[in-house]
Amino acid sequence: MRTFGGFLFHGARVYGEVRSGEVHLLRQPFWRGVDFSGEVRSLGELVIDLPVDPGKVIAVGLNYADHIKEMQRSEIGSPLIWFKAPSSLLPHEGTIEIAFPEHKTDFETELAIVIGTRAKDL
């Protein structure tokens, strides 16, 4: 499987494909088409950043039975949908600041799906 990502190089956002510890840089973001610039950097020269810079983040909750049971909620018929600020995303090794450490904090793993074009009724 090919691995593409977003990186910082001297503070500038770049995109590339990771191959054996090297990043083959692209001329444009990978979702606009894979067009290599010919420049190759070692992964150690780059800071791993978010793969995208989203305009919005749509969250979906209570979308599977085990989670509904875990939350001690009754079936609601359809999942909850809400927006999160794009600033809620963290890059690799980013620091999570827990605003209210005295409150219960759930540890979660999230899945991100990038839709690179206008979409309706998905």
C-alpha atoms as a PDB file:
ATOM      1  CA  MET A   1       0.000   0.000   0.000  1.00  0.00           C
ATOM      2  CA  ARG A   2       1.283   3.460  -0.848  1.00  0.00           C
ATOM      3  CA  THR A   3       1.674   5.959   1.997  1.00  0.00           C
ATOM      4  CA  PHE A   4       1.161   9.654   1.318  1.00  0.00           C
ATOM      5  CA  GLY A   5       1.298  12.413   3.888  1.00  0.00           C
ATOM      6  CA  GLY A   6       1.670  16.046   4.772  1.00  0.00           C
ATOM      7  CA  PHE A   7       4.948  17.299   6.208  1.00  0.00           C
ATOM      8  CA  LEU A   8       6.677  20.496   7.271  1.00  0.00           C
ATOM      9  CA  PHE A   9      10.032  21.352   5.702  1.00  0.00           C
ATOM     10  CA  HIS A  10      11.618  24.520   7.148  1.00  0.00           C
ATOM     11  CA  GLY A  11       8.116  25.565   8.262  1.00  0.00           C
ATOM     12  CA  ALA A  12       6.490  25.127   4.828  1.00  0.00           C
ATOM     13  CA  ARG A  13       3.810  22.491   4.173  1.00  0.00           C
ATOM     14  CA  VAL A  14       4.847  19.864   1.633  1.00  0.00           C
ATOM     15  CA  TYR A  15       3.283  16.592   0.531  1.00  0.00           C
ATOM     16  CA  GLY A  16       4.936  13.386  -0.451  1.00  0.00           C
ATOM     17  CA  GLU A  17       5.001   9.620  -0.665  1.00  0.00           C
ATOM     18  CA  VAL A  18       6.972   7.739   2.002  1.00  0.00           C
ATOM     19  CA  ARG A  19       9.229   4.970   0.676  1.00  0.00           C
ATOM     20  CA  SER A  20      11.799   3.193   2.877  1.00  0.00           C
ATOM     21  CA  GLY A  21      12.474   6.178   5.142  1.00  0.00           C
ATOM     22  CA  GLU A  22      12.542   8.690   2.303  1.00  0.00           C
ATOM     23  CA  VAL A  23       9.831  11.095   1.211  1.00  0.00           C
ATOM     24  CA  HIS A  24       9.422  11.680  -2.517  1.00  0.00           C
ATOM     25  CA  LEU A  25       7.951  15.173  -2.674  1.00  0.00           C
ATOM     26  CA  LEU A  26       4.965  16.108  -4.793  1.00  0.00           C
ATOM     27  CA  ARG A  27       4.271  19.282  -6.731  1.00  0.00           C
ATOM     28  CA  GLN A  28       0.750  19.460  -5.278  1.00  0.00           C
ATOM     29  CA  PRO A  29      -1.368  17.785  -2.581  1.00  0.00           C
ATOM     30  CA  PHE A  30      -1.731  14.072  -3.295  1.00  0.00           C
ATOM     31  CA  TRP A  31      -5.526  14.206  -3.586  1.00  0.00           C
ATOM     32  CA  ARG A  32      -5.165  16.490  -6.625  1.00  0.00           C
ATOM     33  CA  GLY A  33      -3.068  13.926  -8.449  1.00  0.00           C
ATOM     34  CA  VAL A  34       0.308  12.333  -7.894  1.00  0.00           C
ATOM     35  CA  ASP A  35       2.896  14.513  -9.635  1.00  0.00           C
ATOM     36  CA  PHE A  36       6.407  14.037  -8.219  1.00  0.00           C
ATOM     37  CA  SER A  37       8.745  17.036  -8.137  1.00  0.00           C
ATOM     38  CA  GLY A  38      11.874  14.868  -8.285  1.00  0.00           C
ATOM     39  CA  GLU A  39      12.992  16.117  -4.863  1.00  0.00           C
ATOM     40  CA  VAL A  40      13.620  13.443  -2.210  1.00  0.00           C
ATOM     41  CA  ARG A  41      14.106  14.131   1.513  1.00  0.00           C
ATOM     42  CA  SER A  42      14.882  11.763   4.353  1.00  0.00           C
ATOM     43  CA  LEU A  43      11.972  11.348   6.742  1.00  0.00           C
ATOM     44  CA  GLY A  44      14.238  12.707   9.505  1.00  0.00           C
ATOM     45  CA  GLU A  45      14.511  16.081   7.715  1.00  0.00           C
ATOM     46  CA  LEU A  46      10.754  16.580   7.841  1.00  0.00           C
ATOM     47  CA  VAL A  47       8.184  17.071  10.572  1.00  0.00           C
ATOM     48  CA  ILE A  48       5.176  14.792  10.094  1.00  0.00           C
ATOM     49  CA  ASP A  49       2.137  17.063   9.867  1.00  0.00           C
ATOM     50  CA  LEU A  50      -1.555  16.584   9.221  1.00  0.00           C
ATOM     51  CA  PRO A  51      -2.208  14.973   5.850  1.00  0.00           C
ATOM     52  CA  VAL A  52      -4.802  17.643   5.031  1.00  0.00           C
ATOM     53  CA  ASP A  53      -5.820  21.154   6.100  1.00  0.00           C
ATOM     54  CA  PRO A  54      -9.583  20.672   6.411  1.00  0.00           C
ATOM     55  CA  GLY A  55     -12.172  23.389   6.061  1.00  0.00           C
ATOM     56  CA  LYS A  56     -14.477  21.493   8.387  1.00  0.00           C
ATOM     57  CA  VAL A  57     -14.585  18.318  10.423  1.00  0.00           C
ATOM     58  CA  ILE A  58     -17.858  16.403  10.649  1.00  0.00           C
ATOM     59  CA  ALA A  59     -18.087  14.000  13.590  1.00  0.00           C
ATOM     60  CA  VAL A  60     -20.424  11.018  13.865  1.00  0.00           C
ATOM     61  CA  GLY A  61     -21.261   9.483  17.229  1.00  0.00           C
ATOM     62  CA  LEU A  62     -23.296   6.600  18.578  1.00  0.00           C
ATOM     63  CA  ASN A  63     -22.929   4.960  15.194  1.00  0.00           C
ATOM     64  CA  TYR A  64     -22.465   1.342  16.257  1.00  0.00           C
ATOM     65  CA  ALA A  65     -24.255  -0.910  18.750  1.00  0.00           C
ATOM     66  CA  ASP A  66     -21.298  -1.668  21.057  1.00  0.00           C
ATOM     67  CA  HIS A  67     -20.629   2.041  21.571  1.00  0.00           C
ATOM     68  CA  ILE A  68     -24.290   2.741  22.314  1.00  0.00           C
ATOM     69  CA  LYS A  69     -24.250  -0.043  24.913  1.00  0.00           C
ATOM     70  CA  GLU A  70     -20.936   1.184  26.379  1.00  0.00           C
ATOM     71  CA  MET A  71     -22.385   4.692  26.766  1.00  0.00           C
ATOM     72  CA  GLN A  72     -25.458   3.155  28.447  1.00  0.00           C
ATOM     73  CA  ARG A  73     -27.706   4.832  25.897  1.00  0.00           C
ATOM     74  CA  SER A  74     -30.777   3.452  24.223  1.00  0.00           C
ATOM     75  CA  GLU A  75     -30.987   3.050  20.457  1.00  0.00           C
ATOM     76  CA  ILE A  76     -31.610   6.461  18.905  1.00  0.00           C
ATOM     77  CA  GLY A  77     -32.455   5.371  15.368  1.00  0.00           C
ATOM     78  CA  SER A  78     -29.736   7.367  13.648  1.00  0.00           C
ATOM     79  CA  PRO A  79     -26.233   8.483  14.622  1.00  0.00           C
ATOM     80  CA  LEU A  80     -25.488  11.867  16.159  1.00  0.00           C
ATOM     81  CA  ILE A  81     -23.740  14.271  13.793  1.00  0.00           C
ATOM     82  CA  TRP A  82     -21.900  17.427  14.813  1.00  0.00           C
ATOM     83  CA  PHE A  83     -19.059  19.682  13.722  1.00  0.00           C
ATOM     84  CA  LYS A  84     -15.649  19.954  15.360  1.00  0.00           C
ATOM     85  CA  ALA A  85     -13.177  22.783  14.891  1.00  0.00           C
ATOM     86  CA  PRO A  86     -10.376  21.985  12.419  1.00  0.00           C
ATOM     87  CA  SER A  87      -7.991  23.016  15.217  1.00  0.00           C
ATOM     88  CA  SER A  88      -9.105  19.884  17.110  1.00  0.00           C
ATOM     89  CA  LEU A  89      -6.869  17.777  14.844  1.00  0.00           C
ATOM     90  CA  LEU A  90      -3.326  16.990  15.930  1.00  0.00           C
ATOM     91  CA  PRO A  91      -0.325  15.897  13.886  1.00  0.00           C
ATOM     92  CA  HIS A  92       1.869  12.927  14.713  1.00  0.00           C
ATOM     93  CA  GLU A  93       3.324  13.340  18.229  1.00  0.00           C
ATOM     94  CA  GLY A  94       1.124  16.404  18.826  1.00  0.00           C
ATOM     95  CA  THR A  95       0.372  17.316  22.442  1.00  0.00           C
ATOM     96  CA  ILE A  96      -3.141  16.742  23.715  1.00  0.00           C
ATOM     97  CA  GLU A  97      -4.186  19.324  26.283  1.00  0.00           C
ATOM     98  CA  ILE A  98      -7.007  18.097  28.502  1.00  0.00           C
ATOM     99  CA  ALA A  99      -8.965  21.216  29.443  1.00  0.00           C
ATOM    100  CA  PHE A 100     -10.674  19.699  32.480  1.00  0.00           C
ATOM    101  CA  PRO A 101      -8.470  16.892  33.836  1.00  0.00           C
ATOM    102  CA  GLU A 102     -10.798  16.417  36.803  1.00  0.00           C
ATOM    103  CA  HIS A 103     -13.544  15.242  34.408  1.00  0.00           C
ATOM    104  CA  LYS A 104     -13.737  11.796  32.840  1.00  0.00           C
ATOM    105  CA  THR A 105     -11.743  11.676  29.612  1.00  0.00           C
ATOM    106  CA  ASP A 106     -12.406   8.950  27.052  1.00  0.00           C
ATOM    107  CA  PHE A 107      -9.514   7.682  24.976  1.00  0.00           C
ATOM    108  CA  GLU A 108     -10.563   7.198  21.384  1.00  0.00           C
ATOM    109  CA  THR A 109      -9.166   6.450  18.007  1.00  0.00           C
ATOM    110  CA  GLU A 110     -10.664   8.275  15.092  1.00  0.00           C
ATOM    111  CA  LEU A 111     -10.935   7.493  11.431  1.00  0.00           C
ATOM    112  CA  ALA A 112     -10.683  10.344   8.964  1.00  0.00           C
ATOM    113  CA  ILE A 113     -12.108  10.153   5.487  1.00  0.00           C
ATOM    114  CA  VAL A 114     -11.015  12.857   3.082  1.00  0.00           C
ATOM    115  CA  ILE A 115     -13.520  13.794   0.407  1.00  0.00           C
ATOM    116  CA  GLY A 116     -11.555  15.813  -2.128  1.00  0.00           C
ATOM    117  CA  THR A 117     -14.479  17.104  -4.141  1.00  0.00           C
ATOM    118  CA  ARG A 118     -17.961  18.469  -3.529  1.00  0.00           C
ATOM    119  CA  ALA A 119     -20.285  15.756  -2.313  1.00  0.00           C
ATOM    120  CA  LYS A 120     -23.966  15.476  -1.482  1.00  0.00           C
ATOM    121  CA  ASP A 121     -26.104  12.687  -0.006  1.00  0.00           C
ATOM    122  CA  LEU A 122     -23.186  10.379   0.757  1.00  0.00           C
END
